[in-house]
Every structure is written in C-alpha cells, then in structure tokens.
Amino acid sequence: MLDNLRDEANSQPFFQDDAELTTAETTALPEPSPRVGGGRFLGMTPMQRFIISVMLLIMVCIISFTCLWMTNSIGIYL
C-alpha cells in the first residue's frame, strides 16, 4: 500500500491547473528586470533625500515646541 505512494504522487498532478502547465513553463524563470532609477529612491539623489529629512526633522521640532508652549507645558522666561 505505501510502497508506491511516491510514484502515485508524482504520476498525476494534485490540482487540475497543474495539469495544464507544460514543463517549459514550470522550469523557465523570468529574467530580472534592470533597475530603471539607477538606485534612486523617488528619483532623488542622496543629497536631496538628506536635505528633505533634515527639513522634516526641523519641522517636527518646531511643531512639537509650539504644541508644548501652547499647552503651557513649558514656558519661556526671559
């Protein structure tokens, strides 16, 4: 009973869709596509990404300071 189990498993496909595939379709792997952007993220150079990240950091610091100041969590004493 269990002697021919491996042969029976390889003889017919488990799913019906597997029977429709040919061996050329299953063995051929698609070619990897070349990188179009040249390693750029969102089309920006590393220096442009750095400037954007610094600007974002400054904006977050200013907005956080303003929120803390408006809620009287901190005070400005001269």
Protein backbone atom coordinates (compact mmCIF):
# COMPACT_ATOMS: atom_id res chain seq x y z
CA MET A 1 0.00 0.00 0.00
CA LEU A 2 2.69 2.54 0.98
CA ASP A 3 5.33 1.17 -1.40
CA ASN A 4 4.09 3.03 -4.46
CA LEU A 5 2.92 6.16 -2.69
CA ARG A 6 5.73 8.34 -4.06
CA ASP A 7 5.16 7.05 -7.60
CA GLU A 8 1.45 7.74 -7.38
CA ALA A 9 2.07 11.24 -6.05
CA ASN A 10 4.39 12.07 -8.96
CA SER A 11 2.26 10.46 -11.63
CA GLN A 12 -0.71 12.83 -11.56
CA PRO A 13 -0.99 16.46 -10.51
CA PHE A 14 -2.76 17.34 -7.30
CA PHE A 15 -4.65 20.28 -8.78
CA GLN A 16 -6.31 20.47 -12.17
CA ASP A 17 -4.43 23.68 -13.04
CA ASP A 18 -1.10 21.89 -12.66
CA ALA A 19 -2.00 19.52 -15.48
CA GLU A 20 -2.37 22.42 -17.92
CA LEU A 21 1.15 23.76 -17.31
CA THR A 22 3.87 22.45 -19.55
CA THR A 23 7.34 21.61 -18.34
CA ALA A 24 8.79 24.62 -20.20
CA GLU A 25 6.54 26.98 -18.25
CA THR A 26 7.43 25.46 -14.90
CA THR A 27 11.20 25.31 -15.44
CA ALA A 28 11.73 28.72 -17.09
CA LEU A 29 12.29 31.53 -14.62
CA PRO A 30 11.55 35.12 -15.63
CA GLU A 31 14.50 37.38 -16.28
CA PRO A 32 15.04 40.00 -13.57
CA SER A 33 14.25 43.46 -14.84
CA PRO A 34 17.07 46.02 -14.73
CA ARG A 35 16.78 48.87 -12.27
CA VAL A 36 15.35 51.85 -14.05
CA GLY A 37 16.02 54.54 -11.44
CA GLY A 38 19.72 53.87 -11.11
CA GLY A 39 19.42 53.29 -7.37
CA ARG A 40 17.49 56.47 -6.70
CA PHE A 41 14.60 56.49 -4.27
CA LEU A 42 11.69 58.55 -5.60
CA GLY A 43 14.03 59.93 -8.26
CA MET A 44 16.13 61.87 -5.74
CA THR A 45 19.85 61.88 -5.18
CA PRO A 46 21.23 61.08 -1.70
CA MET A 47 21.90 64.77 -1.01
CA GLN A 48 18.31 65.71 -1.86
CA ARG A 49 17.00 62.96 0.44
CA PHE A 50 19.27 64.23 3.23
CA ILE A 51 18.01 67.81 2.86
CA ILE A 52 14.38 66.63 2.90
CA SER A 53 14.99 64.56 6.04
CA VAL A 54 16.68 67.50 7.82
CA MET A 55 13.79 69.78 6.87
CA LEU A 56 11.33 67.20 8.20
CA LEU A 57 13.27 66.98 11.47
CA ILE A 58 13.25 70.77 11.88
CA MET A 59 9.51 70.95 11.17
CA VAL A 60 8.75 68.24 13.74
CA CYS A 61 10.86 70.04 16.35
CA ILE A 62 9.15 73.38 15.68
CA ILE A 63 5.64 71.88 15.75
CA SER A 64 6.41 69.94 18.95
CA PHE A 65 7.83 73.01 20.66
CA THR A 66 4.80 75.06 19.60
CA CYS A 67 2.36 72.46 20.93
CA LEU A 68 4.19 72.27 24.25
CA TRP A 69 4.29 76.06 24.51
CA MET A 70 0.59 76.49 23.66
CA THR A 71 -0.49 73.94 26.29
CA ASN A 72 1.70 75.66 28.93
CA SER A 73 3.75 72.53 29.45
CA ILE A 74 6.86 74.65 29.06
CA GLY A 75 7.41 78.35 29.46
CA ILE A 76 9.72 80.93 28.01
CA TYR A 77 11.24 83.10 30.73
CA LEU A 78 13.46 85.99 29.83
